[in-house]
Amino acid sequence: MKKIFFLALIVTSCSSSRKTGSGELPSCIQTKIEAFTKLPKHEQPQNVIEYEYKGKKVYYVTMPCCDFYNEVYDSNCNLLGHPDGGFTGKGDGKLPDFNAEKKKGKIVWEKTKSN
């Protein structure tokens, strides 16, 4: 009986929403994070940071290396653009004011350092 209870507790805690200082993460962002953890360590993004941008929550994904675009998603996982990164380091030009306008950054996921 104890084993069943413990297993149920693990399943429940693994499937529950991650909470940030400003509330729960959207399920699509949780799904992205879960997918990141399944990638080889050298392909995993460095972190996901929740920001306020133009009055809305957005999620900035720092990619594993300098030549990749960093990504910004809204709460519905729509890709808003790439404010930086890439070969030039200047992103794709779709969010030119992102770095100046982002506020209240909070890391909601970070790649583990092991391995």
PDB file of N, CA and C in Angstrom:
ATOM      1  N   MET A   1       0.824  -1.189   0.000  1.00  0.00           N
ATOM      2  CA  MET A   1       0.000   0.000   0.000  1.00  0.00           C
ATOM      3  C   MET A   1       0.873   1.260   0.000  1.00  0.00           C
ATOM      4  N   LYS A   2       1.953   1.245   0.783  1.00  0.00           N
ATOM      5  CA  LYS A   2       2.844   2.396   0.845  1.00  0.00           C
ATOM      6  C   LYS A   2       3.481   2.660  -0.518  1.00  0.00           C
ATOM      7  N   LYS A   3       3.819   1.588  -1.243  1.00  0.00           N
ATOM      8  CA  LYS A   3       4.438   1.741  -2.562  1.00  0.00           C
ATOM      9  C   LYS A   3       3.482   2.410  -3.527  1.00  0.00           C
ATOM     10  N   ILE A   4       2.210   2.031  -3.492  1.00  0.00           N
ATOM     11  CA  ILE A   4       1.208   2.622  -4.386  1.00  0.00           C
ATOM     12  C   ILE A   4       1.029   4.099  -4.066  1.00  0.00           C
ATOM     13  N   PHE A   5       0.938   4.437  -2.792  1.00  0.00           N
ATOM     14  CA  PHE A   5       0.788   5.824  -2.385  1.00  0.00           C
ATOM     15  C   PHE A   5       1.990   6.651  -2.840  1.00  0.00           C
ATOM     16  N   PHE A   6       3.197   6.114  -2.621  1.00  0.00           N
ATOM     17  CA  PHE A   6       4.410   6.819  -3.010  1.00  0.00           C
ATOM     18  C   PHE A   6       4.454   7.037  -4.515  1.00  0.00           C
ATOM     19  N   LEU A   7       4.103   6.010  -5.297  1.00  0.00           N
ATOM     20  CA  LEU A   7       4.077   6.120  -6.748  1.00  0.00           C
ATOM     21  C   LEU A   7       3.055   7.160  -7.193  1.00  0.00           C
ATOM     22  N   ALA A   8       1.889   7.151  -6.582  1.00  0.00           N
ATOM     23  CA  ALA A   8       0.857   8.141  -6.916  1.00  0.00           C
ATOM     24  C   ALA A   8       1.348   9.550  -6.596  1.00  0.00           C
ATOM     25  N   LEU A   9       2.053   9.704  -5.496  1.00  0.00           N
ATOM     26  CA  LEU A   9       2.602  10.999  -5.109  1.00  0.00           C
ATOM     27  C   LEU A   9       3.617  11.486  -6.132  1.00  0.00           C
ATOM     28  N   ILE A  10       4.483  10.608  -6.598  1.00  0.00           N
ATOM     29  CA  ILE A  10       5.483  10.970  -7.601  1.00  0.00           C
ATOM     30  C   ILE A  10       4.814  11.382  -8.905  1.00  0.00           C
ATOM     31  N   VAL A  11       3.858  10.588  -9.365  1.00  0.00           N
ATOM     32  CA  VAL A  11       3.158  10.896 -10.620  1.00  0.00           C
ATOM     33  C   VAL A  11       2.445  12.222 -10.503  1.00  0.00           C
ATOM     34  N   THR A  12       1.783  12.468  -9.389  1.00  0.00           N
ATOM     35  CA  THR A  12       1.064  13.725  -9.192  1.00  0.00           C
ATOM     36  C   THR A  12       2.018  14.904  -9.178  1.00  0.00           C
ATOM     37  N   SER A  13       3.140  14.781  -8.478  1.00  0.00           N
ATOM     38  CA  SER A  13       4.067  15.907  -8.395  1.00  0.00           C
ATOM     39  C   SER A  13       4.756  16.163  -9.722  1.00  0.00           C
ATOM     40  N   CYS A  14       4.989  15.132 -10.518  1.00  0.00           N
ATOM     41  CA  CYS A  14       5.634  15.319 -11.810  1.00  0.00           C
ATOM     42  C   CYS A  14       4.695  15.941 -12.833  1.00  0.00           C
ATOM     43  N   SER A  15       3.411  15.695 -12.688  1.00  0.00           N
ATOM     44  CA  SER A  15       2.481  16.211 -13.685  1.00  0.00           C
ATOM     45  C   SER A  15       1.893  17.558 -13.292  1.00  0.00           C
ATOM     46  N   SER A  16       2.160  18.017 -12.082  1.00  0.00           N
ATOM     47  CA  SER A  16       1.598  19.295 -11.665  1.00  0.00           C
ATOM     48  C   SER A  16       2.340  20.443 -12.318  1.00  0.00           C
ATOM     49  N   SER A  17       1.692  21.586 -12.347  1.00  0.00           N
ATOM     50  CA  SER A  17       2.265  22.758 -12.988  1.00  0.00           C
ATOM     51  C   SER A  17       3.428  23.297 -12.187  1.00  0.00           C
ATOM     52  N   ARG A  18       4.411  23.810 -12.903  1.00  0.00           N
ATOM     53  CA  ARG A  18       5.503  24.503 -12.227  1.00  0.00           C
ATOM     54  C   ARG A  18       4.997  25.885 -11.872  1.00  0.00           C
ATOM     55  N   LYS A  19       5.368  26.339 -10.709  1.00  0.00           N
ATOM     56  CA  LYS A  19       4.945  27.677 -10.302  1.00  0.00           C
ATOM     57  C   LYS A  19       6.147  28.596 -10.298  1.00  0.00           C
ATOM     58  N   THR A  20       5.903  29.811 -10.698  1.00  0.00           N
ATOM     59  CA  THR A  20       6.931  30.829 -10.652  1.00  0.00           C
ATOM     60  C   THR A  20       6.491  31.854  -9.628  1.00  0.00           C
ATOM     61  N   GLY A  21       7.300  32.833  -9.395  1.00  0.00           N
ATOM     62  CA  GLY A  21       6.929  33.881  -8.465  1.00  0.00           C
ATOM     63  C   GLY A  21       5.695  34.636  -8.919  1.00  0.00           C
ATOM     64  N   SER A  22       5.389  34.564 -10.202  1.00  0.00           N
ATOM     65  CA  SER A  22       4.247  35.308 -10.721  1.00  0.00           C
ATOM     66  C   SER A  22       3.123  34.384 -11.164  1.00  0.00           C
ATOM     67  N   GLY A  23       3.110  33.121 -10.712  1.00  0.00           N
ATOM     68  CA  GLY A  23       2.018  32.214 -11.045  1.00  0.00           C
ATOM     69  C   GLY A  23       2.514  30.944 -11.703  1.00  0.00           C
ATOM     70  N   GLU A  24       1.597  30.238 -12.343  1.00  0.00           N
ATOM     71  CA  GLU A  24       1.928  28.981 -12.997  1.00  0.00           C
ATOM     72  C   GLU A  24       2.462  29.214 -14.396  1.00  0.00           C
ATOM     73  N   LEU A  25       3.323  28.304 -14.825  1.00  0.00           N
ATOM     74  CA  LEU A  25       3.792  28.343 -16.213  1.00  0.00           C
ATOM     75  C   LEU A  25       2.699  27.817 -17.121  1.00  0.00           C
ATOM     76  N   PRO A  26       2.542  28.396 -18.292  1.00  0.00           N
ATOM     77  CA  PRO A  26       1.595  27.840 -19.256  1.00  0.00           C
ATOM     78  C   PRO A  26       1.999  26.406 -19.614  1.00  0.00           C
ATOM     79  N   SER A  27       1.016  25.556 -19.860  1.00  0.00           N
ATOM     80  CA  SER A  27       1.315  24.149 -20.127  1.00  0.00           C
ATOM     81  C   SER A  27       2.191  23.975 -21.357  1.00  0.00           C
ATOM     82  N   CYS A  28       2.044  24.829 -22.361  1.00  0.00           N
ATOM     83  CA  CYS A  28       2.878  24.680 -23.556  1.00  0.00           C
ATOM     84  C   CYS A  28       4.342  25.005 -23.246  1.00  0.00           C
ATOM     85  N   ILE A  29       4.595  25.919 -22.331  1.00  0.00           N
ATOM     86  CA  ILE A  29       5.974  26.227 -21.920  1.00  0.00           C
ATOM     87  C   ILE A  29       6.517  25.050 -21.109  1.00  0.00           C
ATOM     88  N   GLN A  30       5.706  24.460 -20.253  1.00  0.00           N
ATOM     89  CA  GLN A  30       6.124  23.271 -19.512  1.00  0.00           C
ATOM     90  C   GLN A  30       6.500  22.153 -20.482  1.00  0.00           C
ATOM     91  N   THR A  31       5.701  21.974 -21.519  1.00  0.00           N
ATOM     92  CA  THR A  31       5.971  20.934 -22.515  1.00  0.00           C
ATOM     93  C   THR A  31       7.298  21.193 -23.211  1.00  0.00           C
ATOM     94  N   LYS A  32       7.561  22.447 -23.561  1.00  0.00           N
ATOM     95  CA  LYS A  32       8.847  22.793 -24.177  1.00  0.00           C
ATOM     96  C   LYS A  32      10.007  22.455 -23.238  1.00  0.00           C
ATOM     97  N   ILE A  33       9.873  22.811 -21.978  1.00  0.00           N
ATOM     98  CA  ILE A  33      10.921  22.547 -21.002  1.00  0.00           C
ATOM     99  C   ILE A  33      11.160  21.044 -20.866  1.00  0.00           C
ATOM    100  N   GLU A  34      10.092  20.275 -20.798  1.00  0.00           N
ATOM    101  CA  GLU A  34      10.231  18.816 -20.713  1.00  0.00           C
ATOM    102  C   GLU A  34      10.957  18.273 -21.941  1.00  0.00           C
ATOM    103  N   ALA A  35      10.659  18.823 -23.114  1.00  0.00           N
ATOM    104  CA  ALA A  35      11.347  18.397 -24.337  1.00  0.00           C
ATOM    105  C   ALA A  35      12.829  18.776 -24.278  1.00  0.00           C
ATOM    106  N   PHE A  36      13.153  19.947 -23.730  1.00  0.00           N
ATOM    107  CA  PHE A  36      14.554  20.365 -23.606  1.00  0.00           C
ATOM    108  C   PHE A  36      15.346  19.363 -22.776  1.00  0.00           C
ATOM    109  N   THR A  37      14.746  18.859 -21.697  1.00  0.00           N
ATOM    110  CA  THR A  37      15.469  17.964 -20.796  1.00  0.00           C
ATOM    111  C   THR A  37      15.775  16.613 -21.435  1.00  0.00           C
ATOM    112  N   LYS A  38      15.085  16.296 -22.509  1.00  0.00           N
ATOM    113  CA  LYS A  38      15.311  15.020 -23.201  1.00  0.00           C
ATOM    114  C   LYS A  38      16.390  15.122 -24.281  1.00  0.00           C
ATOM    115  N   LEU A  39      16.803  16.334 -24.594  1.00  0.00           N
ATOM    116  CA  LEU A  39      17.855  16.545 -25.586  1.00  0.00           C
ATOM    117  C   LEU A  39      19.214  16.201 -24.977  1.00  0.00           C
ATOM    118  N   PRO A  40      20.206  15.853 -25.809  1.00  0.00           N
ATOM    119  CA  PRO A  40      21.564  15.704 -25.276  1.00  0.00           C
ATOM    120  C   PRO A  40      21.993  17.021 -24.617  1.00  0.00           C
ATOM    121  N   LYS A  41      22.789  16.929 -23.570  1.00  0.00           N
ATOM    122  CA  LYS A  41      23.185  18.124 -22.793  1.00  0.00           C
ATOM    123  C   LYS A  41      23.725  19.250 -23.671  1.00  0.00           C
ATOM    124  N   HIS A  42      24.519  18.914 -24.691  1.00  0.00           N
ATOM    125  CA  HIS A  42      25.125  19.963 -25.519  1.00  0.00           C
ATOM    126  C   HIS A  42      24.110  20.649 -26.440  1.00  0.00           C
ATOM    127  N   GLU A  43      22.903  20.089 -26.564  1.00  0.00           N
ATOM    128  CA  GLU A  43      21.858  20.697 -27.396  1.00  0.00           C
ATOM    129  C   GLU A  43      20.787  21.404 -26.573  1.00  0.00           C
ATOM    130  N   GLN A  44      20.817  21.248 -25.262  1.00  0.00           N
ATOM    131  CA  GLN A  44      19.803  21.859 -24.411  1.00  0.00           C
ATOM    132  C   GLN A  44      20.021  23.367 -24.304  1.00  0.00           C
ATOM    133  N   PRO A  45      18.939  24.143 -24.335  1.00  0.00           N
ATOM    134  CA  PRO A  45      19.086  25.570 -24.044  1.00  0.00           C
ATOM    135  C   PRO A  45      19.684  25.755 -22.648  1.00  0.00           C
ATOM    136  N   GLN A  46      20.252  26.920 -22.410  1.00  0.00           N
ATOM    137  CA  GLN A  46      20.861  27.216 -21.117  1.00  0.00           C
ATOM    138  C   GLN A  46      19.801  27.448 -20.038  1.00  0.00           C
ATOM    139  N   ASN A  47      18.726  28.168 -20.407  1.00  0.00           N
ATOM    140  CA  ASN A  47      17.669  28.455 -19.446  1.00  0.00           C
ATOM    141  C   ASN A  47      16.434  29.021 -20.151  1.00  0.00           C
ATOM    142  N   VAL A  48      15.367  29.159 -19.372  1.00  0.00           N
ATOM    143  CA  VAL A  48      14.150  29.836 -19.808  1.00  0.00           C
ATOM    144  C   VAL A  48      13.870  30.900 -18.760  1.00  0.00           C
ATOM    145  N   ILE A  49      13.715  32.131 -19.226  1.00  0.00           N
ATOM    146  CA  ILE A  49      13.491  33.255 -18.317  1.00  0.00           C
ATOM    147  C   ILE A  49      12.135  33.877 -18.637  1.00  0.00           C
ATOM    148  N   GLU A  50      11.329  34.030 -17.604  1.00  0.00           N
ATOM    149  CA  GLU A  50      10.039  34.707 -17.757  1.00  0.00           C
ATOM    150  C   GLU A  50      10.273  36.208 -17.588  1.00  0.00           C
ATOM    151  N   TYR A  51       9.779  36.985 -18.539  1.00  0.00           N
ATOM    152  CA  TYR A  51       9.862  38.442 -18.471  1.00  0.00           C
ATOM    153  C   TYR A  51       8.478  39.039 -18.657  1.00  0.00           C
ATOM    154  N   GLU A  52       8.358  40.274 -18.277  1.00  0.00           N
ATOM    155  CA  GLU A  52       7.215  41.088 -18.673  1.00  0.00           C
ATOM    156  C   GLU A  52       7.702  41.926 -19.848  1.00  0.00           C
ATOM    157  N   TYR A  53       6.962  41.874 -20.945  1.00  0.00           N
ATOM    158  CA  TYR A  53       7.330  42.630 -22.144  1.00  0.00           C
ATOM    159  C   TYR A  53       6.059  43.241 -22.719  1.00  0.00           C
ATOM    160  N   LYS A  54       6.023  44.554 -22.742  1.00  0.00           N
ATOM    161  CA  LYS A  54       4.857  45.295 -23.224  1.00  0.00           C
ATOM    162  C   LYS A  54       3.578  44.860 -22.504  1.00  0.00           C
ATOM    163  N   GLY A  55       3.703  44.664 -21.178  1.00  0.00           N
ATOM    164  CA  GLY A  55       2.554  44.345 -20.339  1.00  0.00           C
ATOM    165  C   GLY A  55       2.118  42.890 -20.338  1.00  0.00           C
ATOM    166  N   LYS A  56       2.849  42.015 -21.008  1.00  0.00           N
ATOM    167  CA  LYS A  56       2.478  40.600 -21.063  1.00  0.00           C
ATOM    168  C   LYS A  56       3.657  39.727 -20.660  1.00  0.00           C
ATOM    169  N   LYS A  57       3.344  38.520 -20.183  1.00  0.00           N
ATOM    170  CA  LYS A  57       4.395  37.563 -19.858  1.00  0.00           C
ATOM    171  C   LYS A  57       4.927  36.944 -21.140  1.00  0.00           C
ATOM    172  N   VAL A  58       6.237  36.860 -21.210  1.00  0.00           N
ATOM    173  CA  VAL A  58       6.901  36.187 -22.326  1.00  0.00           C
ATOM    174  C   VAL A  58       7.991  35.295 -21.754  1.00  0.00           C
ATOM    175  N   TYR A  59       8.464  34.370 -22.582  1.00  0.00           N
ATOM    176  CA  TYR A  59       9.451  33.389 -22.146  1.00  0.00           C
ATOM    177  C   TYR A  59      10.622  33.411 -23.117  1.00  0.00           C
ATOM    178  N   TYR A  60      11.776  33.778 -22.584  1.00  0.00           N
ATOM    179  CA  TYR A  60      13.001  33.927 -23.353  1.00  0.00           C
ATOM    180  C   TYR A  60      13.834  32.663 -23.180  1.00  0.00           C
ATOM    181  N   VAL A  61      14.156  32.011 -24.284  1.00  0.00           N
ATOM    182  CA  VAL A  61      14.920  30.774 -24.260  1.00  0.00           C
ATOM    183  C   VAL A  61      16.337  31.077 -24.731  1.00  0.00           C
ATOM    184  N   THR A  62      17.303  30.900 -23.829  1.00  0.00           N
ATOM    185  CA  THR A  62      18.706  31.116 -24.150  1.00  0.00           C
ATOM    186  C   THR A  62      19.266  29.830 -24.742  1.00  0.00           C
ATOM    187  N   MET A  63      19.634  29.878 -26.004  1.00  0.00           N
ATOM    188  CA  MET A  63      20.097  28.688 -26.706  1.00  0.00           C
ATOM    189  C   MET A  63      21.510  28.301 -26.259  1.00  0.00           C
ATOM    190  N   PRO A  64      21.942  27.068 -26.611  1.00  0.00           N
ATOM    191  CA  PRO A  64      23.196  26.560 -26.063  1.00  0.00           C
ATOM    192  C   PRO A  64      24.470  27.205 -26.602  1.00  0.00           C
ATOM    193  N   CYS A  65      24.383  27.901 -27.719  1.00  0.00           N
ATOM    194  CA  CYS A  65      25.615  28.469 -28.283  1.00  0.00           C
ATOM    195  C   CYS A  65      25.328  29.793 -28.968  1.00  0.00           C
ATOM    196  N   CYS A  66      26.359  30.469 -29.213  1.00  0.00           N
ATOM    197  CA  CYS A  66      26.343  31.833 -29.741  1.00  0.00           C
ATOM    198  C   CYS A  66      25.744  31.971 -31.143  1.00  0.00           C
ATOM    199  N   ASP A  67      25.867  30.983 -31.999  1.00  0.00           N
ATOM    200  CA  ASP A  67      25.390  31.118 -33.375  1.00  0.00           C
ATOM    201  C   ASP A  67      23.909  30.802 -33.546  1.00  0.00           C
ATOM    202  N   PHE A  68      23.251  30.385 -32.480  1.00  0.00           N
ATOM    203  CA  PHE A  68      21.819  30.108 -32.535  1.00  0.00           C
ATOM    204  C   PHE A  68      21.046  31.361 -32.126  1.00  0.00           C
ATOM    205  N   TYR A  69      19.883  31.541 -32.727  1.00  0.00           N
ATOM    206  CA  TYR A  69      18.994  32.604 -32.273  1.00  0.00           C
ATOM    207  C   TYR A  69      18.408  32.229 -30.919  1.00  0.00           C
ATOM    208  N   ASN A  70      18.351  33.180 -29.997  1.00  0.00           N
ATOM    209  CA  ASN A  70      17.590  33.006 -28.766  1.00  0.00           C
ATOM    210  C   ASN A  70      16.135  33.294 -29.110  1.00  0.00           C
ATOM    211  N   GLU A  71      15.217  32.609 -28.445  1.00  0.00           N
ATOM    212  CA  GLU A  71      13.805  32.656 -28.820  1.00  0.00           C
ATOM    213  C   GLU A  71      12.966  33.326 -27.742  1.00  0.00           C
ATOM    214  N   VAL A  72      11.903  34.029 -28.177  1.00  0.00           N
ATOM    215  CA  VAL A  72      10.940  34.604 -27.245  1.00  0.00           C
ATOM    216  C   VAL A  72       9.553  34.106 -27.640  1.00  0.00           C
ATOM    217  N   TYR A  73       8.863  33.514 -26.656  1.00  0.00           N
ATOM    218  CA  TYR A  73       7.514  32.983 -26.847  1.00  0.00           C
ATOM    219  C   TYR A  73       6.537  33.735 -25.962  1.00  0.00           C
ATOM    220  N   ASP A  74       5.295  33.863 -26.430  1.00  0.00           N
ATOM    221  CA  ASP A  74       4.256  34.406 -25.563  1.00  0.00           C
ATOM    222  C   ASP A  74       3.678  33.273 -24.721  1.00  0.00           C
ATOM    223  N   SER A  75       2.660  33.547 -23.926  1.00  0.00           N
ATOM    224  CA  SER A  75       2.079  32.550 -23.030  1.00  0.00           C
ATOM    225  C   SER A  75       1.352  31.423 -23.753  1.00  0.00           C
ATOM    226  N   ASN A  76       1.110  31.595 -25.054  1.00  0.00           N
ATOM    227  CA  ASN A  76       0.474  30.549 -25.863  1.00  0.00           C
ATOM    228  C   ASN A  76       1.490  29.817 -26.730  1.00  0.00           C
ATOM    229  N   CYS A  77       2.757  30.049 -26.459  1.00  0.00           N
ATOM    230  CA  CYS A  77       3.876  29.437 -27.191  1.00  0.00           C
ATOM    231  C   CYS A  77       3.960  29.878 -28.643  1.00  0.00           C
ATOM    232  N   ASN A  78       3.442  31.039 -28.929  1.00  0.00           N
ATOM    233  CA  ASN A  78       3.662  31.626 -30.249  1.00  0.00           C
ATOM    234  C   ASN A  78       5.049  32.254 -30.247  1.00  0.00           C
ATOM    235  N   LEU A  79       5.845  31.922 -31.243  1.00  0.00           N
ATOM    236  CA  LEU A  79       7.181  32.505 -31.345  1.00  0.00           C
ATOM    237  C   LEU A  79       7.036  33.967 -31.763  1.00  0.00           C
ATOM    238  N   LEU A  80       7.502  34.867 -30.901  1.00  0.00           N
ATOM    239  CA  LEU A  80       7.413  36.296 -31.203  1.00  0.00           C
ATOM    240  C   LEU A  80       8.605  36.769 -32.021  1.00  0.00           C
ATOM    241  N   GLY A  81       9.739  36.132 -31.826  1.00  0.00           N
ATOM    242  CA  GLY A  81      10.926  36.515 -32.571  1.00  0.00           C
ATOM    243  C   GLY A  81      12.188  36.111 -31.847  1.00  0.00           C
ATOM    244  N   HIS A  82      13.280  36.567 -32.423  1.00  0.00           N
ATOM    245  CA  HIS A  82      14.616  36.267 -31.909  1.00  0.00           C
ATOM    246  C   HIS A  82      15.325  37.598 -31.676  1.00  0.00           C
ATOM    247  N   PRO A  83      15.326  38.088 -30.434  1.00  0.00           N
ATOM    248  CA  PRO A  83      15.887  39.416 -30.167  1.00  0.00           C
ATOM    249  C   PRO A  83      17.398  39.503 -30.282  1.00  0.00           C
ATOM    250  N   ASP A  84      18.057  38.356 -30.172  1.00  0.00           N
ATOM    251  CA  ASP A  84      19.518  38.355 -30.239  1.00  0.00           C
ATOM    252  C   ASP A  84      19.991  36.964 -30.632  1.00  0.00           C
ATOM    253  N   GLY A  85      21.300  36.839 -30.769  1.00  0.00           N
ATOM    254  CA  GLY A  85      21.879  35.579 -31.201  1.00  0.00           C
ATOM    255  C   GLY A  85      22.020  35.526 -32.712  1.00  0.00           C
ATOM    256  N   GLY A  86      22.391  34.382 -33.224  1.00  0.00           N
ATOM    257  CA  GLY A  86      22.664  34.238 -34.647  1.00  0.00           C
ATOM    258  C   GLY A  86      24.087  34.679 -34.960  1.00  0.00           C
ATOM    259  N   PHE A  87      24.452  34.601 -36.231  1.00  0.00           N
ATOM    260  CA  PHE A  87      25.825  34.928 -36.626  1.00  0.00           C
ATOM    261  C   PHE A  87      26.199  36.376 -36.317  1.00  0.00           C
ATOM    262  N   THR A  88      25.243  37.294 -36.445  1.00  0.00           N
ATOM    263  CA  THR A  88      25.533  38.705 -36.171  1.00  0.00           C
ATOM    264  C   THR A  88      25.366  39.066 -34.706  1.00  0.00           C
ATOM    265  N   GLY A  89      24.633  38.219 -33.956  1.00  0.00           N
ATOM    266  CA  GLY A  89      24.343  38.521 -32.561  1.00  0.00           C
ATOM    267  C   GLY A  89      23.165  39.460 -32.393  1.00  0.00           C
ATOM    268  N   LYS A  90      22.578  39.908 -33.503  1.00  0.00           N
ATOM    269  CA  LYS A  90      21.497  40.898 -33.452  1.00  0.00           C
ATOM    270  C   LYS A  90      20.108  40.306 -33.652  1.00  0.00           C
ATOM    271  N   GLY A  91      20.001  38.970 -33.695  1.00  0.00           N
ATOM    272  CA  GLY A  91      18.698  38.348 -33.841  1.00  0.00           C
ATOM    273  C   GLY A  91      18.110  38.511 -35.227  1.00  0.00           C
ATOM    274  N   ASP A  92      16.782  38.380 -35.310  1.00  0.00           N
ATOM    275  CA  ASP A  92      16.108  38.445 -36.612  1.00  0.00           C
ATOM    276  C   ASP A  92      15.458  39.797 -36.879  1.00  0.00           C
ATOM    277  N   GLY A  93      15.585  40.746 -35.966  1.00  0.00           N
ATOM    278  CA  GLY A  93      15.046  42.091 -36.171  1.00  0.00           C
ATOM    279  C   GLY A  93      13.572  42.237 -35.834  1.00  0.00           C
ATOM    280  N   LYS A  94      12.901  41.164 -35.402  1.00  0.00           N
ATOM    281  CA  LYS A  94      11.468  41.244 -35.104  1.00  0.00           C
ATOM    282  C   LYS A  94      11.172  41.836 -33.732  1.00  0.00           C
ATOM    283  N   LEU A  95      12.145  41.820 -32.844  1.00  0.00           N
ATOM    284  CA  LEU A  95      11.964  42.370 -31.489  1.00  0.00           C
ATOM    285  C   LEU A  95      13.113  43.317 -31.158  1.00  0.00           C
ATOM    286  N   PRO A  96      13.271  44.397 -31.929  1.00  0.00           N
ATOM    287  CA  PRO A  96      14.436  45.260 -31.731  1.00  0.00           C
ATOM    288  C   PRO A  96      14.481  45.950 -30.363  1.00  0.00           C
ATOM    289  N   ASP A  97      13.321  46.094 -29.712  1.00  0.00           N
ATOM    290  CA  ASP A  97      13.280  46.773 -28.417  1.00  0.00           C
ATOM    291  C   ASP A  97      13.209  45.814 -27.237  1.00  0.00           C
ATOM    292  N   PHE A  98      13.316  44.520 -27.487  1.00  0.00           N
ATOM    293  CA  PHE A  98      13.122  43.545 -26.415  1.00  0.00           C
ATOM    294  C   PHE A  98      14.077  43.773 -25.240  1.00  0.00           C
ATOM    295  N   ASN A  99      15.347  43.872 -25.503  1.00  0.00           N
ATOM    296  CA  ASN A  99      16.318  44.013 -24.410  1.00  0.00           C
ATOM    297  C   ASN A  99      16.141  45.311 -23.635  1.00  0.00           C
ATOM    298  N   ALA A 100      15.663  46.346 -24.286  1.00  0.00           N
ATOM    299  CA  ALA A 100      15.424  47.618 -23.596  1.00  0.00           C
ATOM    300  C   ALA A 100      14.105  47.605 -22.821  1.00  0.00           C
ATOM    301  N   GLU A 101      13.116  46.863 -23.303  1.00  0.00           N
ATOM    302  CA  GLU A 101      11.773  46.898 -22.733  1.00  0.00           C
ATOM    303  C   GLU A 101      11.448  45.772 -21.752  1.00  0.00           C
ATOM    304  N   LYS A 102      12.219  44.687 -21.758  1.00  0.00           N
ATOM    305  CA  LYS A 102      11.904  43.557 -20.873  1.00  0.00           C
ATOM    306  C   LYS A 102      12.067  43.969 -19.417  1.00  0.00           C
ATOM    307  N   LYS A 103      11.210  43.394 -18.546  1.00  0.00           N
ATOM    308  CA  LYS A 103      11.222  43.723 -17.122  1.00  0.00           C
ATOM    309  C   LYS A 103      10.994  42.463 -16.301  1.00  0.00           C
ATOM    310  N   LYS A 104      11.393  42.526 -15.048  1.00  0.00           N
ATOM    311  CA  LYS A 104      11.088  41.504 -14.052  1.00  0.00           C
ATOM    312  C   LYS A 104      11.505  40.102 -14.487  1.00  0.00           C
ATOM    313  N   GLY A 105      12.748  39.934 -14.864  1.00  0.00           N
ATOM    314  CA  GLY A 105      13.239  38.626 -15.278  1.00  0.00           C
ATOM    315  C   GLY A 105      13.318  37.637 -14.127  1.00  0.00           C
ATOM    316  N   LYS A 106      12.836  36.430 -14.392  1.00  0.00           N
ATOM    317  CA  LYS A 106      12.891  35.356 -13.397  1.00  0.00           C
ATOM    318  C   LYS A 106      13.174  34.052 -14.126  1.00  0.00           C
ATOM    319  N   ILE A 107      14.248  33.367 -13.732  1.00  0.00           N
ATOM    320  CA  ILE A 107      14.571  32.075 -14.336  1.00  0.00           C
ATOM    321  C   ILE A 107      13.529  31.060 -13.888  1.00  0.00           C
ATOM    322  N   VAL A 108      12.866  30.416 -14.866  1.00  0.00           N
ATOM    323  CA  VAL A 108      11.852  29.399 -14.541  1.00  0.00           C
ATOM    324  C   VAL A 108      12.367  27.991 -14.822  1.00  0.00           C
ATOM    325  N   TRP A 109      13.472  27.881 -15.565  1.00  0.00           N
ATOM    326  CA  TRP A 109      14.116  26.594 -15.800  1.00  0.00           C
ATOM    327  C   TRP A 109      15.566  26.857 -16.165  1.00  0.00           C
ATOM    328  N   GLU A 110      16.444  25.964 -15.701  1.00  0.00           N
ATOM    329  CA  GLU A 110      17.855  26.081 -16.006  1.00  0.00           C
ATOM    330  C   GLU A 110      18.419  24.681 -16.237  1.00  0.00           C
ATOM    331  N   LYS A 111      19.255  24.554 -17.248  1.00  0.00           N
ATOM    332  CA  LYS A 111      19.901  23.275 -17.547  1.00  0.00           C
ATOM    333  C   LYS A 111      20.719  22.828 -16.352  1.00  0.00           C
ATOM    334  N   THR A 112      20.646  21.540 -16.044  1.00  0.00           N
ATOM    335  CA  THR A 112      21.423  21.028 -14.915  1.00  0.00           C
ATOM    336  C   THR A 112      22.897  20.996 -15.303  1.00  0.00           C
ATOM    337  N   LYS A 113      23.743  21.146 -14.342  1.00  0.00           N
ATOM    338  CA  LYS A 113      25.185  21.218 -14.585  1.00  0.00           C
ATOM    339  C   LYS A 113      25.839  19.837 -14.654  1.00  0.00           C
ATOM    340  N   SER A 114      25.149  18.780 -14.224  1.00  0.00           N
ATOM    341  CA  SER A 114      25.765  17.447 -14.209  1.00  0.00           C
ATOM    342  C   SER A 114      25.895  16.897 -15.634  1.00  0.00           C
ATOM    343  N   ASN A 115      26.810  15.958 -15.769  1.00  0.00           N
ATOM    344  CA  ASN A 115      27.164  15.290 -17.051  1.00  0.00           C
ATOM    345  C   ASN A 115      27.925  16.232 -17.895  1.00  0.00           C
TER     346      ASN A 115
END
